[in-house]
């Protein structure tokens, strides 16, 4: 952020929003929001949308065994691929008898 917060335009501030939100910056203390009614209204709208989305799609923690099952399946798949690669290697590297 090279521009001074006090002279930051709405366009520049809004362009930085994804980065600021992703970094969990406390935007209520941002000087541009303190001085810009338009961007405060935008942030209020975004917070309302985010809250509605959280209610529509609540975070559900998976059962304890789900990650173990996923890990086991991935390991099984990796094992199968290694066996197939090994078999293919031996088929192509072994001289064929005529």
Protein backbone atom coordinates (compact mmCIF):
# COMPACT_ATOMS: atom_id res chain seq x y z
CA UNK A 1 0.00 0.00 0.00
CA UNK A 2 1.97 2.93 -1.25
CA UNK A 3 -0.72 5.61 -0.94
CA UNK A 4 -1.31 7.50 2.29
CA UNK A 5 -4.47 6.25 4.02
CA UNK A 6 -5.78 9.80 4.38
CA UNK A 7 -5.65 10.46 0.63
CA UNK A 8 -6.71 6.98 -0.52
CA UNK A 9 -9.43 7.14 -3.14
CA UNK A 10 -12.51 4.91 -2.96
CA UNK A 11 -11.30 3.03 -6.04
CA UNK A 12 -7.87 2.39 -4.50
CA UNK A 13 -9.38 1.38 -1.16
CA UNK A 14 -11.87 -0.99 -2.79
CA UNK A 15 -9.07 -2.52 -4.88
CA UNK A 16 -7.23 -3.29 -1.63
CA UNK A 17 -10.28 -4.77 0.12
CA UNK A 18 -9.67 -8.44 -0.81
CA UNK A 19 -6.11 -8.23 0.52
CA UNK A 20 -7.18 -6.41 3.67
CA UNK A 21 -10.05 -8.82 4.35
CA UNK A 22 -7.81 -11.82 3.66
CA UNK A 23 -5.25 -10.50 6.14
CA UNK A 24 -7.97 -10.11 8.81
CA UNK A 25 -7.22 -6.41 9.14
CA UNK A 26 -9.61 -4.56 11.48
CA UNK A 27 -11.17 -2.37 8.82
CA UNK A 28 -13.28 -0.37 11.25
CA UNK A 29 -10.07 1.43 12.25
CA UNK A 30 -8.99 2.12 8.65
CA UNK A 31 -8.71 5.89 8.11
CA UNK A 32 -10.45 5.76 4.73
CA UNK A 33 -13.52 4.10 6.24
CA UNK A 34 -13.57 6.61 9.06
CA UNK A 35 -13.75 9.45 6.55
CA UNK A 36 -15.79 7.91 3.69
CA UNK A 37 -19.51 7.28 4.11
CA UNK A 38 -19.75 5.49 0.73
CA UNK A 39 -17.13 2.89 1.63
CA UNK A 40 -18.60 2.45 5.13
CA UNK A 41 -21.94 1.65 3.48
CA UNK A 42 -20.17 -0.79 1.13
CA UNK A 43 -18.52 -2.53 4.09
CA UNK A 44 -21.85 -2.75 5.92
CA UNK A 45 -23.38 -4.37 2.84
CA UNK A 46 -20.47 -6.82 2.52
CA UNK A 47 -20.76 -7.76 6.21
CA UNK A 48 -24.51 -8.35 5.78
CA UNK A 49 -23.88 -10.57 2.74
CA UNK A 50 -21.13 -12.50 4.54
CA UNK A 51 -23.36 -13.11 7.56
CA UNK A 52 -26.23 -14.29 5.35
CA UNK A 53 -23.86 -16.67 3.54
CA UNK A 54 -22.64 -18.09 6.86
CA UNK A 55 -26.25 -18.78 7.86
CA UNK A 56 -27.04 -20.42 4.53
CA UNK A 57 -23.96 -22.60 4.58
CA UNK A 58 -22.95 -23.18 8.18
CA UNK A 59 -19.58 -24.74 8.81
CA UNK A 60 -20.14 -28.36 9.69
CA UNK A 61 -17.31 -30.26 11.26
CA UNK A 62 -16.90 -33.73 9.77
CA UNK A 63 -17.01 -36.82 11.94
CA UNK A 64 -13.68 -37.83 13.49
CA UNK A 65 -13.21 -40.76 11.13
CA UNK A 66 -13.73 -38.84 7.87
CA UNK A 67 -10.15 -37.53 7.55
CA UNK A 68 -8.78 -40.97 8.44
CA UNK A 69 -10.89 -42.52 5.67
CA UNK A 70 -9.72 -39.92 3.16
CA UNK A 71 -6.09 -40.44 4.13
CA UNK A 72 -6.46 -44.22 3.89
CA UNK A 73 -8.01 -44.01 0.43
CA UNK A 74 -5.31 -41.66 -0.80
CA UNK A 75 -2.62 -43.99 0.50
CA UNK A 76 -4.32 -46.96 -1.17
CA UNK A 77 -4.50 -45.05 -4.44
CA UNK A 78 -0.82 -44.10 -4.18
CA UNK A 79 0.07 -47.73 -3.48
CA UNK A 80 -1.88 -48.90 -6.54
CA UNK A 81 -0.17 -46.32 -8.74
CA UNK A 82 3.26 -47.43 -7.50
CA UNK A 83 2.44 -51.08 -8.24
CA UNK A 84 1.17 -50.20 -11.72
CA UNK A 85 4.23 -48.08 -12.46
CA UNK A 86 6.50 -50.85 -11.24
CA UNK A 87 4.70 -53.44 -13.37
CA UNK A 88 4.84 -51.18 -16.43
CA UNK A 89 8.53 -50.55 -15.87
CA UNK A 90 9.30 -54.25 -15.65
CA UNK A 91 7.27 -54.98 -18.80
CA UNK A 92 9.12 -52.38 -20.84
CA UNK A 93 12.61 -53.00 -19.42
CA UNK A 94 12.55 -56.81 -19.65
CA UNK A 95 13.81 -58.13 -22.99
CA UNK A 96 11.05 -59.87 -24.90
CA UNK A 97 11.79 -63.38 -26.08
CA UNK A 98 10.91 -64.11 -29.69
